Amino acid sequence: MPTKKSFAVVVALAAGLAVGTALFASTPPAKSKVTTLLQMPLADAFTPGREVLMDVVQIAPDSSLERHWHPGEEFHYYMEGSVEIQLDGEPSIQGRPGGVGHVPFKHWHRAVAGKHGAKILVFRVHTKGEPWRYTEKDSTRNR
């Protein structure tokens, strides 16, 4: 009798492990999120055709944003976690809480978050009427 019970326990544990693994494998990875806090035009007498965008960008743990550029100057305040801002042709920015960073106008870059993800306050002086970013899929766009 103990052999049948032991076998039944092993089969039940194996089945539970298989179901748990299947559920975990089918769970989509956490996604990054951009929340716009402010979008406001600047005075034409001051700087024509420009607006301010202020966003909170949350990047999932151990993930990255696709390579892109913005039609504006971008300034960062790193709130939580860690992130590497990889700038084409320049040293990367290592973003840590309390630090700041800058991505130049129309400069290709991507953000790679560490194991705890990252939360960044992004302030951008942006060209009015343009999308907030351009990715490599949009590479036919004349910069």
N, C-alpha and C. Protein backbone atom coordinates (compact mmCIF):
# COMPACT_ATOMS: atom_id res chain seq x y z
N MET A 1 0.80 -1.21 0.00
CA MET A 1 0.00 0.00 0.00
C MET A 1 0.84 1.27 0.00
N PRO A 2 1.91 1.39 0.84
CA PRO A 2 2.68 2.62 0.83
C PRO A 2 3.25 2.94 -0.54
N THR A 3 3.54 1.94 -1.35
CA THR A 3 4.10 2.18 -2.67
C THR A 3 3.07 2.84 -3.58
N LYS A 4 1.82 2.40 -3.52
CA LYS A 4 0.76 3.00 -4.34
C LYS A 4 0.52 4.45 -3.94
N LYS A 5 0.54 4.72 -2.62
CA LYS A 5 0.34 6.10 -2.14
C LYS A 5 1.50 6.98 -2.57
N SER A 6 2.71 6.48 -2.44
CA SER A 6 3.89 7.25 -2.84
C SER A 6 3.84 7.55 -4.33
N PHE A 7 3.46 6.56 -5.11
CA PHE A 7 3.36 6.75 -6.56
C PHE A 7 2.28 7.80 -6.88
N ALA A 8 1.16 7.73 -6.18
CA ALA A 8 0.06 8.69 -6.41
C ALA A 8 0.51 10.11 -6.06
N VAL A 9 1.26 10.24 -4.96
CA VAL A 9 1.76 11.57 -4.56
C VAL A 9 2.73 12.11 -5.61
N VAL A 10 3.63 11.26 -6.10
CA VAL A 10 4.59 11.69 -7.12
C VAL A 10 3.87 12.11 -8.39
N VAL A 11 2.87 11.35 -8.82
CA VAL A 11 2.10 11.69 -10.02
C VAL A 11 1.37 13.01 -9.82
N ALA A 12 0.77 13.21 -8.65
CA ALA A 12 0.05 14.46 -8.37
C ALA A 12 1.01 15.65 -8.37
N LEU A 13 2.18 15.50 -7.77
CA LEU A 13 3.16 16.59 -7.77
C LEU A 13 3.65 16.90 -9.18
N ALA A 14 3.90 15.87 -9.97
CA ALA A 14 4.35 16.07 -11.35
C ALA A 14 3.28 16.79 -12.17
N ALA A 15 2.02 16.39 -11.97
CA ALA A 15 0.93 17.05 -12.71
C ALA A 15 0.81 18.51 -12.30
N GLY A 16 0.93 18.77 -10.99
CA GLY A 16 0.87 20.16 -10.52
C GLY A 16 2.02 20.99 -11.05
N LEU A 17 3.19 20.41 -11.09
CA LEU A 17 4.35 21.11 -11.64
C LEU A 17 4.16 21.42 -13.13
N ALA A 18 3.63 20.46 -13.86
CA ALA A 18 3.39 20.66 -15.29
C ALA A 18 2.37 21.76 -15.53
N VAL A 19 1.29 21.76 -14.76
CA VAL A 19 0.25 22.80 -14.91
C VAL A 19 0.82 24.16 -14.52
N GLY A 20 1.55 24.24 -13.41
CA GLY A 20 2.16 25.50 -12.98
C GLY A 20 3.14 26.04 -14.00
N THR A 21 3.95 25.17 -14.57
CA THR A 21 4.92 25.59 -15.59
C THR A 21 4.20 26.11 -16.83
N ALA A 22 3.14 25.44 -17.23
CA ALA A 22 2.38 25.88 -18.41
C ALA A 22 1.74 27.23 -18.16
N LEU A 23 1.19 27.44 -16.98
CA LEU A 23 0.58 28.73 -16.67
C LEU A 23 1.63 29.84 -16.66
N PHE A 24 2.79 29.58 -16.05
CA PHE A 24 3.86 30.57 -15.99
C PHE A 24 4.36 30.90 -17.40
N ALA A 25 4.52 29.89 -18.23
CA ALA A 25 5.03 30.09 -19.59
C ALA A 25 4.05 30.87 -20.44
N SER A 26 2.76 30.74 -20.15
CA SER A 26 1.76 31.43 -20.97
C SER A 26 1.48 32.84 -20.47
N THR A 27 2.05 33.22 -19.31
CA THR A 27 1.86 34.56 -18.77
C THR A 27 2.71 35.54 -19.57
N PRO A 28 2.08 36.57 -20.17
CA PRO A 28 2.87 37.51 -20.95
C PRO A 28 3.82 38.30 -20.06
N PRO A 29 4.98 38.69 -20.59
CA PRO A 29 5.92 39.47 -19.79
C PRO A 29 5.32 40.84 -19.44
N ALA A 30 5.78 41.41 -18.34
CA ALA A 30 5.32 42.74 -17.94
C ALA A 30 5.66 43.73 -19.03
N LYS A 31 4.77 44.68 -19.26
CA LYS A 31 5.00 45.68 -20.30
C LYS A 31 5.43 47.00 -19.67
N SER A 32 6.09 47.78 -20.48
CA SER A 32 6.45 49.12 -20.07
C SER A 32 5.24 50.02 -20.25
N LYS A 33 5.26 51.16 -19.56
CA LYS A 33 4.09 52.04 -19.57
C LYS A 33 4.55 53.50 -19.59
N VAL A 34 3.86 54.31 -20.40
CA VAL A 34 4.12 55.75 -20.45
C VAL A 34 2.84 56.46 -20.07
N THR A 35 2.91 57.31 -19.03
CA THR A 35 1.76 58.09 -18.58
C THR A 35 2.07 59.56 -18.79
N THR A 36 1.30 60.22 -19.63
CA THR A 36 1.50 61.65 -19.88
C THR A 36 0.87 62.46 -18.75
N LEU A 37 1.69 63.27 -18.09
CA LEU A 37 1.23 64.13 -17.01
C LEU A 37 0.85 65.51 -17.50
N LEU A 38 1.54 65.98 -18.54
CA LEU A 38 1.33 67.34 -19.03
C LEU A 38 1.70 67.42 -20.50
N GLN A 39 0.87 68.07 -21.28
CA GLN A 39 1.19 68.42 -22.67
C GLN A 39 0.65 69.82 -22.88
N MET A 40 1.57 70.78 -23.07
CA MET A 40 1.17 72.18 -23.12
C MET A 40 2.02 72.94 -24.13
N PRO A 41 1.38 73.72 -25.01
CA PRO A 41 2.17 74.50 -25.97
C PRO A 41 2.93 75.62 -25.28
N LEU A 42 4.11 75.92 -25.81
CA LEU A 42 4.88 77.06 -25.34
C LEU A 42 4.45 78.29 -26.14
N ALA A 43 4.65 79.46 -25.61
CA ALA A 43 4.25 80.69 -26.29
C ALA A 43 5.01 80.84 -27.60
N ASP A 44 4.29 81.12 -28.69
CA ASP A 44 4.93 81.31 -29.99
C ASP A 44 5.94 82.45 -29.97
N ALA A 45 5.68 83.48 -29.16
CA ALA A 45 6.62 84.59 -29.06
C ALA A 45 7.93 84.14 -28.40
N PHE A 46 7.86 83.08 -27.60
CA PHE A 46 9.04 82.56 -26.92
C PHE A 46 9.78 81.55 -27.80
N THR A 47 9.07 80.52 -28.25
CA THR A 47 9.67 79.48 -29.08
C THR A 47 8.58 78.87 -29.96
N PRO A 48 8.45 79.37 -31.18
CA PRO A 48 7.36 78.94 -32.06
C PRO A 48 7.41 77.45 -32.39
N GLY A 49 6.21 76.84 -32.43
CA GLY A 49 6.11 75.45 -32.86
C GLY A 49 6.57 74.42 -31.85
N ARG A 50 6.67 74.80 -30.58
CA ARG A 50 7.14 73.86 -29.57
C ARG A 50 6.11 73.72 -28.45
N GLU A 51 6.17 72.56 -27.81
CA GLU A 51 5.33 72.28 -26.66
C GLU A 51 6.16 71.54 -25.61
N VAL A 52 5.61 71.46 -24.41
CA VAL A 52 6.25 70.71 -23.33
C VAL A 52 5.46 69.43 -23.12
N LEU A 53 6.17 68.31 -23.03
CA LEU A 53 5.57 67.04 -22.65
C LEU A 53 6.25 66.59 -21.36
N MET A 54 5.46 66.16 -20.40
CA MET A 54 6.00 65.60 -19.18
C MET A 54 5.34 64.24 -18.99
N ASP A 55 6.17 63.18 -18.92
CA ASP A 55 5.68 61.82 -18.83
C ASP A 55 6.36 61.08 -17.68
N VAL A 56 5.68 60.08 -17.16
CA VAL A 56 6.31 59.10 -16.29
C VAL A 56 6.44 57.84 -17.14
N VAL A 57 7.68 57.37 -17.28
CA VAL A 57 7.96 56.16 -18.06
C VAL A 57 8.35 55.07 -17.08
N GLN A 58 7.59 53.98 -17.11
CA GLN A 58 7.88 52.82 -16.27
C GLN A 58 8.33 51.69 -17.19
N ILE A 59 9.51 51.17 -16.94
CA ILE A 59 10.07 50.09 -17.76
C ILE A 59 10.10 48.83 -16.91
N ALA A 60 9.54 47.77 -17.45
CA ALA A 60 9.45 46.51 -16.74
C ALA A 60 10.85 45.97 -16.41
N PRO A 61 10.96 45.17 -15.34
CA PRO A 61 12.26 44.58 -14.98
C PRO A 61 12.88 43.79 -16.13
N ASP A 62 14.19 43.93 -16.24
CA ASP A 62 14.97 43.19 -17.25
C ASP A 62 14.38 43.29 -18.65
N SER A 63 13.95 44.49 -19.02
CA SER A 63 13.41 44.70 -20.36
C SER A 63 13.94 46.02 -20.91
N SER A 64 13.61 46.30 -22.16
CA SER A 64 14.10 47.54 -22.77
C SER A 64 13.04 48.14 -23.67
N LEU A 65 13.19 49.42 -23.90
CA LEU A 65 12.37 50.11 -24.89
C LEU A 65 13.08 49.98 -26.24
N GLU A 66 12.32 49.91 -27.31
CA GLU A 66 12.97 49.80 -28.61
C GLU A 66 13.74 51.08 -28.94
N ARG A 67 14.73 50.94 -29.77
CA ARG A 67 15.57 52.07 -30.19
C ARG A 67 14.67 53.10 -30.87
N HIS A 68 14.88 54.38 -30.51
CA HIS A 68 14.01 55.44 -31.02
C HIS A 68 14.69 56.80 -30.87
N TRP A 69 14.02 57.83 -31.41
CA TRP A 69 14.45 59.22 -31.21
C TRP A 69 13.20 60.07 -31.03
N HIS A 70 13.38 61.27 -30.49
CA HIS A 70 12.27 62.19 -30.24
C HIS A 70 12.48 63.49 -31.01
N PRO A 71 11.39 64.08 -31.49
CA PRO A 71 11.50 65.39 -32.12
C PRO A 71 11.53 66.50 -31.06
N GLY A 72 12.48 66.38 -30.15
CA GLY A 72 12.61 67.36 -29.08
C GLY A 72 13.80 67.03 -28.19
N GLU A 73 14.12 67.95 -27.31
CA GLU A 73 15.15 67.75 -26.29
C GLU A 73 14.49 67.01 -25.14
N GLU A 74 15.20 66.01 -24.59
CA GLU A 74 14.62 65.16 -23.54
C GLU A 74 15.49 65.22 -22.29
N PHE A 75 14.82 65.43 -21.14
CA PHE A 75 15.51 65.51 -19.85
C PHE A 75 14.89 64.50 -18.91
N HIS A 76 15.72 63.78 -18.16
CA HIS A 76 15.24 62.71 -17.27
C HIS A 76 15.53 63.02 -15.81
N TYR A 77 14.62 62.57 -14.97
CA TYR A 77 14.87 62.47 -13.53
C TYR A 77 14.55 61.02 -13.17
N TYR A 78 15.55 60.29 -12.68
CA TYR A 78 15.40 58.87 -12.39
C TYR A 78 14.82 58.71 -10.99
N MET A 79 13.64 58.11 -10.93
CA MET A 79 12.88 58.02 -9.68
C MET A 79 13.08 56.71 -8.94
N GLU A 80 13.04 55.59 -9.66
CA GLU A 80 13.12 54.27 -9.03
C GLU A 80 13.88 53.31 -9.93
N GLY A 81 14.48 52.29 -9.33
CA GLY A 81 15.15 51.24 -10.09
C GLY A 81 16.44 51.72 -10.73
N SER A 82 16.82 51.02 -11.78
CA SER A 82 18.02 51.42 -12.52
C SER A 82 17.77 51.23 -14.01
N VAL A 83 18.43 52.08 -14.79
CA VAL A 83 18.26 52.03 -16.24
C VAL A 83 19.55 52.50 -16.90
N GLU A 84 19.85 51.89 -18.03
CA GLU A 84 20.96 52.35 -18.86
C GLU A 84 20.35 52.98 -20.10
N ILE A 85 20.65 54.25 -20.34
CA ILE A 85 20.21 54.92 -21.55
C ILE A 85 21.36 54.81 -22.54
N GLN A 86 21.18 53.99 -23.54
CA GLN A 86 22.22 53.75 -24.55
C GLN A 86 22.04 54.75 -25.68
N LEU A 87 23.01 55.65 -25.82
CA LEU A 87 22.98 56.70 -26.83
C LEU A 87 23.91 56.31 -27.98
N ASP A 88 23.40 56.36 -29.21
CA ASP A 88 24.25 56.05 -30.36
C ASP A 88 25.45 56.98 -30.40
N GLY A 89 26.65 56.39 -30.46
CA GLY A 89 27.87 57.16 -30.63
C GLY A 89 28.35 57.92 -29.41
N GLU A 90 27.72 57.72 -28.25
CA GLU A 90 28.11 58.43 -27.03
C GLU A 90 28.09 57.45 -25.86
N PRO A 91 28.76 57.79 -24.76
CA PRO A 91 28.69 56.92 -23.57
C PRO A 91 27.25 56.82 -23.05
N SER A 92 26.92 55.67 -22.51
CA SER A 92 25.59 55.46 -21.93
C SER A 92 25.42 56.29 -20.66
N ILE A 93 24.18 56.58 -20.34
CA ILE A 93 23.82 57.24 -19.08
C ILE A 93 23.36 56.13 -18.14
N GLN A 94 23.93 56.08 -16.94
CA GLN A 94 23.52 55.11 -15.93
C GLN A 94 22.53 55.80 -14.99
N GLY A 95 21.24 55.54 -15.18
CA GLY A 95 20.20 56.19 -14.39
C GLY A 95 19.94 55.49 -13.08
N ARG A 96 20.10 56.22 -11.98
CA ARG A 96 19.83 55.72 -10.63
C ARG A 96 18.94 56.74 -9.92
N PRO A 97 18.16 56.32 -8.92
CA PRO A 97 17.27 57.26 -8.23
C PRO A 97 17.99 58.53 -7.78
N GLY A 98 17.36 59.66 -8.11
CA GLY A 98 17.91 60.96 -7.76
C GLY A 98 18.83 61.55 -8.81
N GLY A 99 19.20 60.75 -9.82
CA GLY A 99 20.07 61.24 -10.89
C GLY A 99 19.28 61.86 -12.02
N VAL A 100 19.98 62.52 -12.91
CA VAL A 100 19.36 63.16 -14.07
C VAL A 100 20.12 62.79 -15.33
N GLY A 101 19.46 62.95 -16.46
CA GLY A 101 20.09 62.67 -17.74
C GLY A 101 19.48 63.52 -18.84
N HIS A 102 20.15 63.54 -20.00
CA HIS A 102 19.71 64.35 -21.14
C HIS A 102 19.95 63.56 -22.42
N VAL A 103 18.93 63.53 -23.28
CA VAL A 103 19.07 62.95 -24.61
C VAL A 103 18.90 64.09 -25.61
N PRO A 104 19.91 64.34 -26.44
CA PRO A 104 19.85 65.45 -27.39
C PRO A 104 18.73 65.30 -28.43
N PHE A 105 18.37 66.40 -29.03
CA PHE A 105 17.35 66.50 -30.07
C PHE A 105 17.61 65.49 -31.18
N LYS A 106 16.60 64.67 -31.49
CA LYS A 106 16.62 63.69 -32.59
C LYS A 106 17.76 62.68 -32.50
N HIS A 107 18.20 62.36 -31.30
CA HIS A 107 19.31 61.43 -31.11
C HIS A 107 18.77 60.01 -30.86
N TRP A 108 19.25 59.03 -31.63
CA TRP A 108 18.85 57.64 -31.44
C TRP A 108 19.32 57.14 -30.08
N HIS A 109 18.42 56.43 -29.38
CA HIS A 109 18.75 55.86 -28.08
C HIS A 109 17.76 54.76 -27.72
N ARG A 110 18.08 54.03 -26.67
CA ARG A 110 17.14 53.07 -26.10
C ARG A 110 17.42 52.95 -24.61
N ALA A 111 16.40 52.56 -23.86
CA ALA A 111 16.52 52.42 -22.42
C ALA A 111 16.45 50.94 -22.06
N VAL A 112 17.39 50.49 -21.21
CA VAL A 112 17.44 49.10 -20.76
C VAL A 112 17.36 49.10 -19.23
N ALA A 113 16.29 48.51 -18.70
CA ALA A 113 16.07 48.51 -17.25
C ALA A 113 16.78 47.34 -16.59
N GLY A 114 17.12 47.53 -15.32
CA GLY A 114 17.75 46.48 -14.51
C GLY A 114 16.72 45.51 -13.95
N LYS A 115 17.15 44.70 -13.01
CA LYS A 115 16.29 43.62 -12.51
C LYS A 115 15.08 44.10 -11.73
N HIS A 116 15.07 45.36 -11.29
CA HIS A 116 13.91 45.90 -10.57
C HIS A 116 13.09 46.85 -11.44
N GLY A 117 13.42 46.95 -12.71
CA GLY A 117 12.72 47.89 -13.58
C GLY A 117 13.19 49.30 -13.33
N ALA A 118 12.47 50.25 -13.90
CA ALA A 118 12.84 51.66 -13.72
C ALA A 118 11.61 52.53 -13.85
N LYS A 119 11.64 53.64 -13.14
CA LYS A 119 10.59 54.66 -13.23
C LYS A 119 11.30 55.99 -13.43
N ILE A 120 10.94 56.69 -14.53
CA ILE A 120 11.64 57.90 -14.93
C ILE A 120 10.63 59.02 -15.18
N LEU A 121 10.89 60.19 -14.65
CA LEU A 121 10.13 61.39 -15.00
C LEU A 121 10.85 61.99 -16.21
N VAL A 122 10.14 62.11 -17.32
CA VAL A 122 10.72 62.63 -18.57
C VAL A 122 10.07 63.96 -18.90
N PHE A 123 10.90 64.97 -19.11
CA PHE A 123 10.47 66.31 -19.50
C PHE A 123 11.03 66.56 -20.89
N ARG A 124 10.17 66.91 -21.82
CA ARG A 124 10.61 67.07 -23.21
C ARG A 124 10.09 68.38 -23.78
N VAL A 125 10.99 69.15 -24.40
CA VAL A 125 10.58 70.29 -25.22
C VAL A 125 10.48 69.72 -26.63
N HIS A 126 9.26 69.67 -27.14
CA HIS A 126 8.88 68.82 -28.27
C HIS A 126 8.34 69.67 -29.43
N THR A 127 8.52 69.18 -30.64
CA THR A 127 7.96 69.84 -31.82
C THR A 127 6.46 69.57 -31.88
N LYS A 128 5.64 70.64 -31.87
CA LYS A 128 4.18 70.49 -31.91
C LYS A 128 3.74 69.71 -33.14
N GLY A 129 2.75 68.84 -32.94
CA GLY A 129 2.17 68.10 -34.05
C GLY A 129 2.91 66.84 -34.44
N GLU A 130 4.06 66.58 -33.83
CA GLU A 130 4.85 65.38 -34.13
C GLU A 130 4.48 64.28 -33.15
N PRO A 131 4.63 63.01 -33.55
CA PRO A 131 4.47 61.91 -32.58
C PRO A 131 5.49 62.07 -31.47
N TRP A 132 5.25 61.45 -30.32
CA TRP A 132 6.17 61.61 -29.19
C TRP A 132 7.49 60.91 -29.42
N ARG A 133 7.53 59.91 -30.35
CA ARG A 133 8.80 59.27 -30.68
C ARG A 133 8.70 58.62 -32.05
N TYR A 134 9.87 58.33 -32.61
CA TYR A 134 9.99 57.59 -33.87
C TYR A 134 10.88 56.38 -33.63
N THR A 135 10.43 55.22 -34.08
CA THR A 135 11.21 53.99 -33.93
C THR A 135 11.85 53.64 -35.26
N GLU A 136 12.61 52.56 -35.27
CA GLU A 136 13.25 52.12 -36.52
C GLU A 136 12.21 51.73 -37.57
N LYS A 137 11.02 51.34 -37.14
CA LYS A 137 9.94 51.05 -38.09
C LYS A 137 9.57 52.30 -38.87
N ASP A 138 9.79 53.46 -38.27
CA ASP A 138 9.48 54.74 -38.89
C ASP A 138 10.70 55.32 -39.61
N SER A 139 11.71 54.49 -39.91
CA SER A 139 13.01 54.98 -40.39
C SER A 139 12.93 55.68 -41.73
N THR A 140 11.82 55.54 -42.46
CA THR A 140 11.70 56.23 -43.74
C THR A 140 11.44 57.73 -43.51
N ARG A 141 11.09 58.09 -42.28
CA ARG A 141 10.83 59.50 -41.93
C ARG A 141 12.13 60.28 -42.03
N ASN A 142 12.11 61.41 -42.70
CA ASN A 142 13.29 62.26 -42.85
C ASN A 142 13.55 63.00 -41.54
N ARG A 143 14.71 62.78 -40.97
CA ARG A 143 15.07 63.47 -39.72
C ARG A 143 15.80 64.71 -40.10
